Amino acid sequence: MRFLLLSPFTRGTTSSWIVKDVVGHEVEVVPAGYAHDRSRPVSGRQEWADYYRHVREALRRAAGGRAQGLITVFPQLAALAGLLKRLLLRSDLVVVAWSFNLGRTYGGLKGAVARFALAGVDVFVVHSRAEIPLYSRWLRLPESRFQFVPLSVALPAEDEVPAGADGESPYIVALGTANRDYDTLAAAVAGTGISTLIVAGEHRTRHIAPPPEVRFRSGVALAECHRLARGARLNLVPLQDAANPSGQVTLIEAMMRGCALVATRCVGTQDYVEDGTDALLVPAGDAAALRAAILSLWNDDARRAELGRRARERALTHYTFAAGGQALQAILDECTPPALLQQA
């Protein structure tokens, strides 16, 4: 089958993402002609207009049987693809909604519109197991329409140089914006004397009066974030809402670099690490527990190294683009009529 890929991050006609590992199906990229800010929890009118044009272009390319399916990335594109599929009576078109991570569900009119639109999606791919019953109940769709696939990220560059390689003082780092709880982190490190760098959007940190240990940075390039993660003595992923799956990309990128990790125990982390084996997990909003975890690892070189080694092993086995490609391959095969599969 021929599928069209709609991702807000893919601006060109080729992709180094998981689709490159798919065989037996043709996947064509429909470029996104807009910039996508994933740090913002809510899409505005302009963003929705951009997503709408993106989906319309995909449907234009699929017309006349030129493509049999759409692969969308993120819920906004999935909702519009499902809506237009239903309104335009394109029941023949398969819609696979990859990275369907809403963060929260909606009631009222917004929820009713979402249920109508998303009924047009054939397969929802979520990145935490807890999302399956949550979205199934909300959308009033069977759980069989949902599949858990771990998130996957790009392998680190072999020549990546860690920050701090020039003798910079030891530090801990927390990267990311969505659902982050930097108030609790600031309280946890206050008075410890441990240098703490928080890299996040300004709207997530501007209200915090930081103790002397804490520094904020924003607008940092991805490559520099990776250097900071690799160079830190500890990587932290403190999350606010334990029922909101988030932080997995930051978690996996640190794991791939062999970093020692402390994270909030929540639906977004428990599917990816085992507490005490490849990371330490602490309750949400518990500054004392977070502080204790940080202090337990700060001067324990051997334990940090062991946690980092096991985290890297797990990430390189389960969370690579190759692993994600195998999962996508299986889903596309399931969506393909047996007669077409035999021809592939």
C-alpha atoms as a PDB file:
ATOM      1  CA  MET A   1       0.000   0.000   0.000  1.00  0.00           C
ATOM      2  CA  ARG A   2       0.984   3.608  -0.499  1.00  0.00           C
ATOM      3  CA  PHE A   3       0.866   5.839   2.566  1.00  0.00           C
ATOM      4  CA  LEU A   4       1.349   9.584   2.924  1.00  0.00           C
ATOM      5  CA  LEU A   5       3.243  10.809   5.989  1.00  0.00           C
ATOM      6  CA  LEU A   6       2.134  14.045   7.662  1.00  0.00           C
ATOM      7  CA  SER A   7       4.500  15.235  10.370  1.00  0.00           C
ATOM      8  CA  PRO A   8       4.706  18.841  11.611  1.00  0.00           C
ATOM      9  CA  PHE A   9       8.482  18.416  11.962  1.00  0.00           C
ATOM     10  CA  THR A  10       9.179  17.249   8.402  1.00  0.00           C
ATOM     11  CA  ARG A  11       9.715  20.235   6.126  1.00  0.00           C
ATOM     12  CA  GLY A  12      11.331  18.388   3.205  1.00  0.00           C
ATOM     13  CA  THR A  13      10.316  15.474   1.003  1.00  0.00           C
ATOM     14  CA  THR A  14      12.513  12.885   2.715  1.00  0.00           C
ATOM     15  CA  SER A  15      12.587  11.648   6.285  1.00  0.00           C
ATOM     16  CA  SER A  16      15.243  10.003   8.433  1.00  0.00           C
ATOM     17  CA  TRP A  17      12.491   8.973  10.864  1.00  0.00           C
ATOM     18  CA  ILE A  18      11.165   5.435  11.394  1.00  0.00           C
ATOM     19  CA  VAL A  19       9.490   5.261   7.974  1.00  0.00           C
ATOM     20  CA  LYS A  20      12.876   4.637   6.331  1.00  0.00           C
ATOM     21  CA  ASP A  21      12.873   1.143   7.869  1.00  0.00           C
ATOM     22  CA  VAL A  22       9.451   0.197   6.462  1.00  0.00           C
ATOM     23  CA  VAL A  23       9.474  -2.376   3.642  1.00  0.00           C
ATOM     24  CA  GLY A  24       6.646  -3.662   1.485  1.00  0.00           C
ATOM     25  CA  HIS A  25       4.844  -0.305   1.555  1.00  0.00           C
ATOM     26  CA  GLU A  26       5.555   3.000  -0.136  1.00  0.00           C
ATOM     27  CA  VAL A  27       5.650   5.996   2.218  1.00  0.00           C
ATOM     28  CA  GLU A  28       5.692   9.477   0.694  1.00  0.00           C
ATOM     29  CA  VAL A  29       6.324  12.557   2.822  1.00  0.00           C
ATOM     30  CA  VAL A  30       3.903  15.468   2.531  1.00  0.00           C
ATOM     31  CA  PRO A  31       6.099  18.378   3.680  1.00  0.00           C
ATOM     32  CA  ALA A  32       4.923  20.663   6.459  1.00  0.00           C
ATOM     33  CA  GLY A  33       5.008  24.233   5.210  1.00  0.00           C
ATOM     34  CA  TYR A  34       4.964  25.703   8.703  1.00  0.00           C
ATOM     35  CA  ALA A  35       6.890  25.777  11.976  1.00  0.00           C
ATOM     36  CA  HIS A  36       5.608  23.681  14.874  1.00  0.00           C
ATOM     37  CA  ASP A  37       6.225  24.708  18.510  1.00  0.00           C
ATOM     38  CA  ARG A  38       5.797  21.568  20.591  1.00  0.00           C
ATOM     39  CA  SER A  39       6.440  23.440  23.850  1.00  0.00           C
ATOM     40  CA  ARG A  40       2.973  25.039  23.665  1.00  0.00           C
ATOM     41  CA  PRO A  41       0.171  22.898  25.165  1.00  0.00           C
ATOM     42  CA  VAL A  42      -2.602  24.523  23.084  1.00  0.00           C
ATOM     43  CA  SER A  43      -2.756  25.172  19.330  1.00  0.00           C
ATOM     44  CA  GLY A  44      -3.992  28.586  18.208  1.00  0.00           C
ATOM     45  CA  ARG A  45      -6.017  29.573  15.164  1.00  0.00           C
ATOM     46  CA  GLN A  46      -2.955  29.946  12.927  1.00  0.00           C
ATOM     47  CA  GLU A  47      -1.626  26.530  13.916  1.00  0.00           C
ATOM     48  CA  TRP A  48      -4.964  24.877  13.153  1.00  0.00           C
ATOM     49  CA  ALA A  49      -5.046  26.620   9.764  1.00  0.00           C
ATOM     50  CA  ASP A  50      -1.572  25.246   9.036  1.00  0.00           C
ATOM     51  CA  TYR A  51      -2.598  21.722  10.029  1.00  0.00           C
ATOM     52  CA  TYR A  52      -5.754  21.971   7.917  1.00  0.00           C
ATOM     53  CA  ARG A  53      -3.789  22.958   4.802  1.00  0.00           C
ATOM     54  CA  HIS A  54      -1.359  20.122   5.466  1.00  0.00           C
ATOM     55  CA  VAL A  55      -4.146  17.536   5.594  1.00  0.00           C
ATOM     56  CA  ARG A  56      -5.926  19.012   2.559  1.00  0.00           C
ATOM     57  CA  GLU A  57      -2.723  18.704   0.549  1.00  0.00           C
ATOM     58  CA  ALA A  58      -2.381  15.070   1.600  1.00  0.00           C
ATOM     59  CA  LEU A  59      -5.960  14.334   0.564  1.00  0.00           C
ATOM     60  CA  ARG A  60      -5.338  16.012  -2.781  1.00  0.00           C
ATOM     61  CA  ARG A  61      -2.360  13.729  -3.359  1.00  0.00           C
ATOM     62  CA  ALA A  62      -4.366  10.686  -2.285  1.00  0.00           C
ATOM     63  CA  ALA A  63      -7.274  11.414  -4.648  1.00  0.00           C
ATOM     64  CA  GLY A  64      -8.127   8.891  -7.304  1.00  0.00           C
ATOM     65  CA  GLY A  65      -6.585   5.997  -5.417  1.00  0.00           C
ATOM     66  CA  ARG A  66      -3.058   7.412  -5.661  1.00  0.00           C
ATOM     67  CA  ALA A  67      -2.583   6.627  -1.954  1.00  0.00           C
ATOM     68  CA  GLN A  68      -4.473   4.265   0.311  1.00  0.00           C
ATOM     69  CA  GLY A  69      -3.526   5.625   3.721  1.00  0.00           C
ATOM     70  CA  LEU A  70      -2.297   8.517   5.850  1.00  0.00           C
ATOM     71  CA  ILE A  71       0.186   8.358   8.718  1.00  0.00           C
ATOM     72  CA  THR A  72      -0.216  11.401  10.950  1.00  0.00           C
ATOM     73  CA  VAL A  73       2.094  12.514  13.746  1.00  0.00           C
ATOM     74  CA  PHE A  74       0.493  14.242  16.767  1.00  0.00           C
ATOM     75  CA  PRO A  75      -3.225  14.541  17.571  1.00  0.00           C
ATOM     76  CA  GLN A  76      -4.018  17.757  15.694  1.00  0.00           C
ATOM     77  CA  LEU A  77      -3.249  16.234  12.306  1.00  0.00           C
ATOM     78  CA  ALA A  78      -5.012  13.004  13.283  1.00  0.00           C
ATOM     79  CA  ALA A  79      -8.176  14.885  14.246  1.00  0.00           C
ATOM     80  CA  LEU A  80      -8.289  16.819  10.983  1.00  0.00           C
ATOM     81  CA  ALA A  81      -7.486  13.738   8.910  1.00  0.00           C
ATOM     82  CA  GLY A  82     -10.274  11.792  10.616  1.00  0.00           C
ATOM     83  CA  LEU A  83     -12.713  14.687  10.284  1.00  0.00           C
ATOM     84  CA  LEU A  84     -12.102  15.265   6.578  1.00  0.00           C
ATOM     85  CA  LYS A  85     -12.123  11.537   5.895  1.00  0.00           C
ATOM     86  CA  ARG A  86     -15.638  11.376   7.353  1.00  0.00           C
ATOM     87  CA  LEU A  87     -16.940  14.585   5.793  1.00  0.00           C
ATOM     88  CA  LEU A  88     -15.569  13.726   2.349  1.00  0.00           C
ATOM     89  CA  LEU A  89     -16.803  10.122   2.587  1.00  0.00           C
ATOM     90  CA  ARG A  90     -13.309   8.660   2.179  1.00  0.00           C
ATOM     91  CA  SER A  91     -13.968   5.488   4.147  1.00  0.00           C
ATOM     92  CA  ASP A  92     -11.499   3.699   1.857  1.00  0.00           C
ATOM     93  CA  LEU A  93      -8.606   5.730   3.289  1.00  0.00           C
ATOM     94  CA  VAL A  94      -6.707   4.186   6.232  1.00  0.00           C
ATOM     95  CA  VAL A  95      -5.622   6.699   8.893  1.00  0.00           C
ATOM     96  CA  VAL A  96      -2.868   5.717  11.331  1.00  0.00           C
ATOM     97  CA  ALA A  97      -2.462   8.279  14.125  1.00  0.00           C
ATOM     98  CA  TRP A  98       1.111   7.981  15.397  1.00  0.00           C
ATOM     99  CA  SER A  99       2.156   9.765  18.601  1.00  0.00           C
ATOM    100  CA  PHE A 100      -1.424  10.293  19.687  1.00  0.00           C
ATOM    101  CA  ASN A 101      -0.565  11.937  23.003  1.00  0.00           C
ATOM    102  CA  LEU A 102      -3.140  14.485  24.102  1.00  0.00           C
ATOM    103  CA  GLY A 103      -2.001  15.124  27.644  1.00  0.00           C
ATOM    104  CA  ARG A 104      -5.619  15.589  28.739  1.00  0.00           C
ATOM    105  CA  THR A 105      -9.074  14.819  27.416  1.00  0.00           C
ATOM    106  CA  TYR A 106     -11.957  17.236  26.909  1.00  0.00           C
ATOM    107  CA  GLY A 107     -15.651  17.314  27.709  1.00  0.00           C
ATOM    108  CA  GLY A 108     -18.544  19.364  26.372  1.00  0.00           C
ATOM    109  CA  LEU A 109     -18.680  20.522  22.774  1.00  0.00           C
ATOM    110  CA  LYS A 110     -14.930  20.180  22.301  1.00  0.00           C
ATOM    111  CA  GLY A 111     -15.094  16.555  23.380  1.00  0.00           C
ATOM    112  CA  ALA A 112     -18.070  15.839  21.119  1.00  0.00           C
ATOM    113  CA  VAL A 113     -16.271  17.314  18.103  1.00  0.00           C
ATOM    114  CA  ALA A 114     -13.162  15.288  18.929  1.00  0.00           C
ATOM    115  CA  ARG A 115     -15.185  12.065  19.152  1.00  0.00           C
ATOM    116  CA  PHE A 116     -16.806  12.711  15.782  1.00  0.00           C
ATOM    117  CA  ALA A 117     -13.515  13.554  14.077  1.00  0.00           C
ATOM    118  CA  LEU A 118     -11.380  10.842  15.620  1.00  0.00           C
ATOM    119  CA  ALA A 119     -13.899   8.130  14.796  1.00  0.00           C
ATOM    120  CA  GLY A 120     -12.319   8.394  11.343  1.00  0.00           C
ATOM    121  CA  VAL A 121      -8.955   7.138  12.642  1.00  0.00           C
ATOM    122  CA  ASP A 122      -8.322   3.428  12.149  1.00  0.00           C
ATOM    123  CA  VAL A 123      -5.321   2.922  14.453  1.00  0.00           C
ATOM    124  CA  PHE A 124      -4.131   5.111  17.324  1.00  0.00           C
ATOM    125  CA  VAL A 125      -0.505   4.671  18.382  1.00  0.00           C
ATOM    126  CA  VAL A 126       0.145   5.835  21.939  1.00  0.00           C
ATOM    127  CA  HIS A 127       3.401   5.950  23.856  1.00  0.00           C
ATOM    128  CA  SER A 128       2.218   4.941  27.313  1.00  0.00           C
ATOM    129  CA  ARG A 129       0.027   1.970  28.189  1.00  0.00           C
ATOM    130  CA  ALA A 130      -2.193   4.020  30.493  1.00  0.00           C
ATOM    131  CA  GLU A 131      -3.417   6.053  27.526  1.00  0.00           C
ATOM    132  CA  ILE A 132      -5.186   3.087  25.927  1.00  0.00           C
ATOM    133  CA  PRO A 133      -8.109   2.766  28.399  1.00  0.00           C
ATOM    134  CA  LEU A 134      -8.174   6.546  28.906  1.00  0.00           C
ATOM    135  CA  TYR A 135      -8.660   7.410  25.233  1.00  0.00           C
ATOM    136  CA  SER A 136     -10.840   4.364  24.589  1.00  0.00           C
ATOM    137  CA  ARG A 137     -13.361   5.515  27.199  1.00  0.00           C
ATOM    138  CA  TRP A 138     -13.188   9.154  26.121  1.00  0.00           C
ATOM    139  CA  LEU A 139     -13.628   8.491  22.402  1.00  0.00           C
ATOM    140  CA  ARG A 140     -16.048   5.589  22.972  1.00  0.00           C
ATOM    141  CA  LEU A 141     -13.948   3.380  20.740  1.00  0.00           C
ATOM    142  CA  PRO A 142     -12.781  -0.190  21.432  1.00  0.00           C
ATOM    143  CA  GLU A 143      -9.334  -0.635  22.963  1.00  0.00           C
ATOM    144  CA  SER A 144      -8.412  -2.759  19.954  1.00  0.00           C
ATOM    145  CA  ARG A 145      -8.122   0.476  17.943  1.00  0.00           C
ATOM    146  CA  PHE A 146      -5.194   1.554  20.156  1.00  0.00           C
ATOM    147  CA  GLN A 147      -1.650   0.198  20.250  1.00  0.00           C
ATOM    148  CA  PHE A 148       1.206   0.978  22.617  1.00  0.00           C
ATOM    149  CA  VAL A 149       4.533   1.521  20.896  1.00  0.00           C
ATOM    150  CA  PRO A 150       7.467   3.030  22.807  1.00  0.00           C
ATOM    151  CA  LEU A 151       8.719   6.350  21.547  1.00  0.00           C
ATOM    152  CA  SER A 152      11.869   6.189  19.469  1.00  0.00           C
ATOM    153  CA  VAL A 153      14.593   8.773  18.997  1.00  0.00           C
ATOM    154  CA  ALA A 154      17.659   9.245  16.817  1.00  0.00           C
ATOM    155  CA  LEU A 155      20.937   7.690  17.911  1.00  0.00           C
ATOM    156  CA  PRO A 156      23.491  10.118  19.356  1.00  0.00           C
ATOM    157  CA  ALA A 157      26.175  11.418  17.018  1.00  0.00           C
ATOM    158  CA  GLU A 158      29.409   9.480  17.460  1.00  0.00           C
ATOM    159  CA  ASP A 159      31.434  12.703  17.673  1.00  0.00           C
ATOM    160  CA  GLU A 160      29.153  14.376  20.223  1.00  0.00           C
ATOM    161  CA  VAL A 161      31.308  16.112  22.848  1.00  0.00           C
ATOM    162  CA  PRO A 162      29.794  16.465  26.317  1.00  0.00           C
ATOM    163  CA  ALA A 163      29.528  19.876  27.920  1.00  0.00           C
ATOM    164  CA  GLY A 164      31.891  20.146  30.849  1.00  0.00           C
ATOM    165  CA  ALA A 165      34.656  18.283  29.024  1.00  0.00           C
ATOM    166  CA  ASP A 166      36.812  21.382  29.444  1.00  0.00           C
ATOM    167  CA  GLY A 167      36.806  21.089  33.226  1.00  0.00           C
ATOM    168  CA  GLU A 168      33.539  22.835  34.058  1.00  0.00           C
ATOM    169  CA  SER A 169      32.282  22.227  37.600  1.00  0.00           C
ATOM    170  CA  PRO A 170      29.861  19.287  38.043  1.00  0.00           C
ATOM    171  CA  TYR A 171      26.188  20.060  37.571  1.00  0.00           C
ATOM    172  CA  ILE A 172      22.784  18.467  37.175  1.00  0.00           C
ATOM    173  CA  VAL A 173      20.506  19.320  34.275  1.00  0.00           C
ATOM    174  CA  ALA A 174      16.775  19.261  33.593  1.00  0.00           C
ATOM    175  CA  LEU A 175      15.662  19.692  29.987  1.00  0.00           C
ATOM    176  CA  GLY A 176      12.216  20.275  28.498  1.00  0.00           C
ATOM    177  CA  THR A 177       9.070  22.301  28.961  1.00  0.00           C
ATOM    178  CA  ALA A 178       5.876  20.237  28.696  1.00  0.00           C
ATOM    179  CA  ASN A 179       4.337  19.289  32.061  1.00  0.00           C
ATOM    180  CA  ARG A 180       7.596  20.035  33.893  1.00  0.00           C
ATOM    181  CA  ASP A 181       7.637  20.702  37.631  1.00  0.00           C
ATOM    182  CA  TYR A 182      10.565  23.026  38.117  1.00  0.00           C
ATOM    183  CA  ASP A 183       9.096  24.538  41.289  1.00  0.00           C
ATOM    184  CA  THR A 184       9.621  21.209  43.039  1.00  0.00           C
ATOM    185  CA  LEU A 185      13.098  20.823  41.550  1.00  0.00           C
ATOM    186  CA  ALA A 186      14.129  24.291  42.719  1.00  0.00           C
ATOM    187  CA  ALA A 187      12.879  23.487  46.218  1.00  0.00           C
ATOM    188  CA  ALA A 188      14.680  20.127  46.181  1.00  0.00           C
ATOM    189  CA  VAL A 189      18.126  21.537  45.384  1.00  0.00           C
ATOM    190  CA  ALA A 190      17.859  24.667  47.539  1.00  0.00           C
ATOM    191  CA  GLY A 191      20.625  24.640  50.119  1.00  0.00           C
ATOM    192  CA  THR A 192      22.470  21.646  48.636  1.00  0.00           C
ATOM    193  CA  GLY A 193      25.129  23.668  46.849  1.00  0.00           C
ATOM    194  CA  ILE A 194      24.589  21.512  43.739  1.00  0.00           C
ATOM    195  CA  SER A 195      24.737  23.527  40.524  1.00  0.00           C
ATOM    196  CA  THR A 196      21.447  22.961  38.690  1.00  0.00           C
ATOM    197  CA  LEU A 197      20.745  23.993  35.103  1.00  0.00           C
ATOM    198  CA  ILE A 198      17.144  24.108  33.864  1.00  0.00           C
ATOM    199  CA  VAL A 199      16.655  24.443  30.106  1.00  0.00           C
ATOM    200  CA  ALA A 200      13.033  25.209  29.245  1.00  0.00           C
ATOM    201  CA  GLY A 201      10.693  27.678  27.611  1.00  0.00           C
ATOM    202  CA  GLU A 202      10.518  30.941  29.538  1.00  0.00           C
ATOM    203  CA  HIS A 203       6.779  30.544  30.104  1.00  0.00           C
ATOM    204  CA  ARG A 204       7.532  27.464  32.230  1.00  0.00           C
ATOM    205  CA  THR A 205      10.099  29.133  34.517  1.00  0.00           C
ATOM    206  CA  ARG A 206       9.455  32.883  34.642  1.00  0.00           C
ATOM    207  CA  HIS A 207       7.356  32.636  37.822  1.00  0.00           C
ATOM    208  CA  ILE A 208      10.055  30.801  39.810  1.00  0.00           C
ATOM    209  CA  ALA A 209      12.312  32.691  42.216  1.00  0.00           C
ATOM    210  CA  PRO A 210      15.374  30.439  41.927  1.00  0.00           C
ATOM    211  CA  PRO A 211      17.705  29.620  44.817  1.00  0.00           C
ATOM    212  CA  PRO A 212      21.439  30.272  44.231  1.00  0.00           C
ATOM    213  CA  GLU A 213      21.913  26.711  42.958  1.00  0.00           C
ATOM    214  CA  VAL A 214      19.544  27.139  39.985  1.00  0.00           C
ATOM    215  CA  ARG A 215      20.200  28.719  36.586  1.00  0.00           C
ATOM    216  CA  PHE A 216      17.705  28.987  33.712  1.00  0.00           C
ATOM    217  CA  ARG A 217      18.390  28.888  29.985  1.00  0.00           C
ATOM    218  CA  SER A 218      15.963  28.987  27.067  1.00  0.00           C
ATOM    219  CA  GLY A 219      16.199  28.932  23.292  1.00  0.00           C
ATOM    220  CA  VAL A 220      19.004  26.367  23.410  1.00  0.00           C
ATOM    221  CA  ALA A 221      19.720  24.425  20.203  1.00  0.00           C
ATOM    222  CA  LEU A 222      19.022  20.691  20.297  1.00  0.00           C
ATOM    223  CA  ALA A 223      22.679  19.767  19.783  1.00  0.00           C
ATOM    224  CA  GLU A 224      23.659  21.896  22.768  1.00  0.00           C
ATOM    225  CA  CYS A 225      20.917  20.251  24.865  1.00  0.00           C
ATOM    226  CA  HIS A 226      22.449  16.882  24.036  1.00  0.00           C
ATOM    227  CA  ARG A 227      25.905  18.121  25.064  1.00  0.00           C
ATOM    228  CA  LEU A 228      24.521  19.427  28.329  1.00  0.00           C
ATOM    229  CA  ALA A 229      22.759  16.113  29.019  1.00  0.00           C
ATOM    230  CA  ARG A 230      25.876  14.070  28.340  1.00  0.00           C
ATOM    231  CA  GLY A 231      28.087  16.346  30.428  1.00  0.00           C
ATOM    232  CA  ALA A 232      25.837  16.459  33.503  1.00  0.00           C
ATOM    233  CA  ARG A 233      26.466  14.335  36.560  1.00  0.00           C
ATOM    234  CA  LEU A 234      22.702  13.710  36.754  1.00  0.00           C
ATOM    235  CA  ASN A 235      19.780  14.237  34.371  1.00  0.00           C
ATOM    236  CA  LEU A 236      16.410  15.069  35.928  1.00  0.00           C
ATOM    237  CA  VAL A 237      12.906  14.788  34.482  1.00  0.00           C
ATOM    238  CA  PRO A 238      10.560  16.293  37.117  1.00  0.00           C
ATOM    239  CA  LEU A 239       6.930  16.160  35.985  1.00  0.00           C
ATOM    240  CA  GLN A 240       3.904  17.971  37.351  1.00  0.00           C
ATOM    241  CA  ASP A 241       0.900  15.805  36.510  1.00  0.00           C
ATOM    242  CA  ALA A 242       1.577  12.103  37.076  1.00  0.00           C
ATOM    243  CA  ALA A 243      -1.443  11.189  34.926  1.00  0.00           C
ATOM    244  CA  ASN A 244      -0.122  13.162  31.945  1.00  0.00           C
ATOM    245  CA  PRO A 245       2.341  11.150  29.827  1.00  0.00           C
ATOM    246  CA  SER A 246       5.226  13.443  28.951  1.00  0.00           C
ATOM    247  CA  GLY A 247       8.989  13.690  29.147  1.00  0.00           C
ATOM    248  CA  GLN A 248       9.677  10.422  27.334  1.00  0.00           C
ATOM    249  CA  VAL A 249      11.829  11.939  24.579  1.00  0.00           C
ATOM    250  CA  THR A 250      14.041  13.729  27.110  1.00  0.00           C
ATOM    251  CA  LEU A 251      14.230  10.521  29.131  1.00  0.00           C
ATOM    252  CA  ILE A 252      15.212   8.350  26.158  1.00  0.00           C
ATOM    253  CA  GLU A 253      17.771  10.812  24.802  1.00  0.00           C
ATOM    254  CA  ALA A 254      19.497  10.833  28.192  1.00  0.00           C
ATOM    255  CA  MET A 255      19.326   7.029  28.388  1.00  0.00           C
ATOM    256  CA  MET A 256      20.967   6.669  24.979  1.00  0.00           C
ATOM    257  CA  ARG A 257      23.857   8.801  26.219  1.00  0.00           C
ATOM    258  CA  GLY A 258      24.373   6.619  29.282  1.00  0.00           C
ATOM    259  CA  CYS A 259      23.251   9.342  31.689  1.00  0.00           C
ATOM    260  CA  ALA A 260      22.196   8.653  35.253  1.00  0.00           C
ATOM    261  CA  LEU A 261      18.549   9.656  35.634  1.00  0.00           C
ATOM    262  CA  VAL A 262      16.093  10.751  38.299  1.00  0.00           C
ATOM    263  CA  ALA A 263      12.508  11.158  37.070  1.00  0.00           C
ATOM    264  CA  THR A 264       8.972  11.492  38.358  1.00  0.00           C
ATOM    265  CA  ARG A 265       7.075   8.218  38.655  1.00  0.00           C
ATOM    266  CA  CYS A 266       4.164   8.660  36.248  1.00  0.00           C
ATOM    267  CA  VAL A 267       2.374   7.062  33.316  1.00  0.00           C
ATOM    268  CA  GLY A 268       4.975   8.501  30.954  1.00  0.00           C
ATOM    269  CA  THR A 269       8.070   7.093  32.666  1.00  0.00           C
ATOM    270  CA  GLN A 270       7.029   3.738  34.130  1.00  0.00           C
ATOM    271  CA  ASP A 271       6.800   2.158  30.668  1.00  0.00           C
ATOM    272  CA  TYR A 272      10.389   3.166  29.889  1.00  0.00           C
ATOM    273  CA  VAL A 273      12.542   2.605  32.971  1.00  0.00           C
ATOM    274  CA  GLU A 274      12.639   0.286  35.962  1.00  0.00           C
ATOM    275  CA  ASP A 275      13.061   2.062  39.268  1.00  0.00           C
ATOM    276  CA  GLY A 276      16.415   1.256  40.836  1.00  0.00           C
ATOM    277  CA  THR A 277      17.679  -0.584  37.764  1.00  0.00           C
ATOM    278  CA  ASP A 278      18.176   2.040  35.076  1.00  0.00           C
ATOM    279  CA  ALA A 279      16.805   5.168  36.802  1.00  0.00           C
ATOM    280  CA  LEU A 280      15.449   6.402  40.114  1.00  0.00           C
ATOM    281  CA  LEU A 281      11.745   7.309  40.202  1.00  0.00           C
ATOM    282  CA  VAL A 282      10.214   9.644  42.785  1.00  0.00           C
ATOM    283  CA  PRO A 283       6.604  10.686  43.523  1.00  0.00           C
ATOM    284  CA  ALA A 284       5.233  13.755  41.765  1.00  0.00           C
ATOM    285  CA  GLY A 285       5.526  16.997  43.711  1.00  0.00           C
ATOM    286  CA  ASP A 286       7.648  15.467  46.486  1.00  0.00           C
ATOM    287  CA  ALA A 287      10.623  17.803  46.932  1.00  0.00           C
ATOM    288  CA  ALA A 288      12.011  15.769  49.844  1.00  0.00           C
ATOM    289  CA  ALA A 289      12.027  12.527  47.833  1.00  0.00           C
ATOM    290  CA  LEU A 290      13.585  14.270  44.834  1.00  0.00           C
ATOM    291  CA  ARG A 291      16.250  15.822  47.050  1.00  0.00           C
ATOM    292  CA  ALA A 292      17.031  12.441  48.643  1.00  0.00           C
ATOM    293  CA  ALA A 293      17.384  10.774  45.230  1.00  0.00           C
ATOM    294  CA  ILE A 294      19.716  13.500  43.980  1.00  0.00           C
ATOM    295  CA  LEU A 295      21.889  13.361  47.094  1.00  0.00           C
ATOM    296  CA  SER A 296      22.037   9.553  47.006  1.00  0.00           C
ATOM    297  CA  LEU A 297      23.629   9.659  43.553  1.00  0.00           C
ATOM    298  CA  TRP A 298      25.587  12.908  43.569  1.00  0.00           C
ATOM    299  CA  ASN A 299      28.789  11.441  45.064  1.00  0.00           C
ATOM    300  CA  ASP A 300      28.220   7.781  44.137  1.00  0.00           C
ATOM    301  CA  ASP A 301      30.183   7.423  40.909  1.00  0.00           C
ATOM    302  CA  ALA A 302      29.763   3.646  40.694  1.00  0.00           C
ATOM    303  CA  ARG A 303      25.987   3.688  41.082  1.00  0.00           C
ATOM    304  CA  ARG A 304      25.569   6.502  38.564  1.00  0.00           C
ATOM    305  CA  ALA A 305      27.715   4.605  36.075  1.00  0.00           C
ATOM    306  CA  GLU A 306      25.705   1.402  36.543  1.00  0.00           C
ATOM    307  CA  LEU A 307      22.362   3.181  36.149  1.00  0.00           C
ATOM    308  CA  GLY A 308      23.654   4.911  33.021  1.00  0.00           C
ATOM    309  CA  ARG A 309      25.005   1.675  31.525  1.00  0.00           C
ATOM    310  CA  ARG A 310      21.736  -0.175  31.993  1.00  0.00           C
ATOM    311  CA  ALA A 311      19.705   2.780  30.738  1.00  0.00           C
ATOM    312  CA  ARG A 312      21.774   2.897  27.561  1.00  0.00           C
ATOM    313  CA  GLU A 313      21.355  -0.849  26.994  1.00  0.00           C
ATOM    314  CA  ARG A 314      17.584  -0.587  27.322  1.00  0.00           C
ATOM    315  CA  ALA A 315      17.332   2.452  25.044  1.00  0.00           C
ATOM    316  CA  LEU A 316      19.491   0.971  22.294  1.00  0.00           C
ATOM    317  CA  THR A 317      17.400  -2.209  22.361  1.00  0.00           C
ATOM    318  CA  HIS A 318      13.885  -0.774  22.490  1.00  0.00           C
ATOM    319  CA  TYR A 319      13.780   2.961  21.693  1.00  0.00           C
ATOM    320  CA  THR A 320      15.636   3.427  18.403  1.00  0.00           C
ATOM    321  CA  PHE A 321      14.198   4.439  15.030  1.00  0.00           C
ATOM    322  CA  ALA A 322      14.857   0.869  13.866  1.00  0.00           C
ATOM    323  CA  ALA A 323      12.673  -0.506  16.672  1.00  0.00           C
ATOM    324  CA  GLY A 324       9.968   2.054  15.900  1.00  0.00           C
ATOM    325  CA  GLY A 325      10.142   1.169  12.218  1.00  0.00           C
ATOM    326  CA  GLN A 326       9.513  -2.494  12.981  1.00  0.00           C
ATOM    327  CA  ALA A 327       6.434  -1.553  15.006  1.00  0.00           C
ATOM    328  CA  LEU A 328       5.130   0.728  12.248  1.00  0.00           C
ATOM    329  CA  GLN A 329       5.766  -2.019   9.702  1.00  0.00           C
ATOM    330  CA  ALA A 330       3.604  -4.437  11.691  1.00  0.00           C
ATOM    331  CA  ILE A 331       0.779  -1.890  11.988  1.00  0.00           C
ATOM    332  CA  LEU A 332       0.803  -1.082   8.268  1.00  0.00           C
ATOM    333  CA  ASP A 333       0.778  -4.799   7.486  1.00  0.00           C
ATOM    334  CA  GLU A 334      -2.299  -5.222   9.704  1.00  0.00           C
ATOM    335  CA  CYS A 335      -4.042  -2.408   7.819  1.00  0.00           C
ATOM    336  CA  THR A 336      -3.309  -3.970   4.436  1.00  0.00           C
ATOM    337  CA  PRO A 337      -5.722  -6.421   2.785  1.00  0.00           C
ATOM    338  CA  PRO A 338      -4.122  -9.902   2.628  1.00  0.00           C
ATOM    339  CA  ALA A 339      -4.249  -9.929  -1.171  1.00  0.00           C
ATOM    340  CA  LEU A 340      -2.139  -6.769  -1.359  1.00  0.00           C
ATOM    341  CA  LEU A 341       0.323  -8.066   1.235  1.00  0.00           C
ATOM    342  CA  GLN A 342       0.937 -11.155  -0.869  1.00  0.00           C
ATOM    343  CA  GLN A 343       1.777  -8.942  -3.847  1.00  0.00           C
ATOM    344  CA  ALA A 344       4.318  -6.877  -1.861  1.00  0.00           C
END
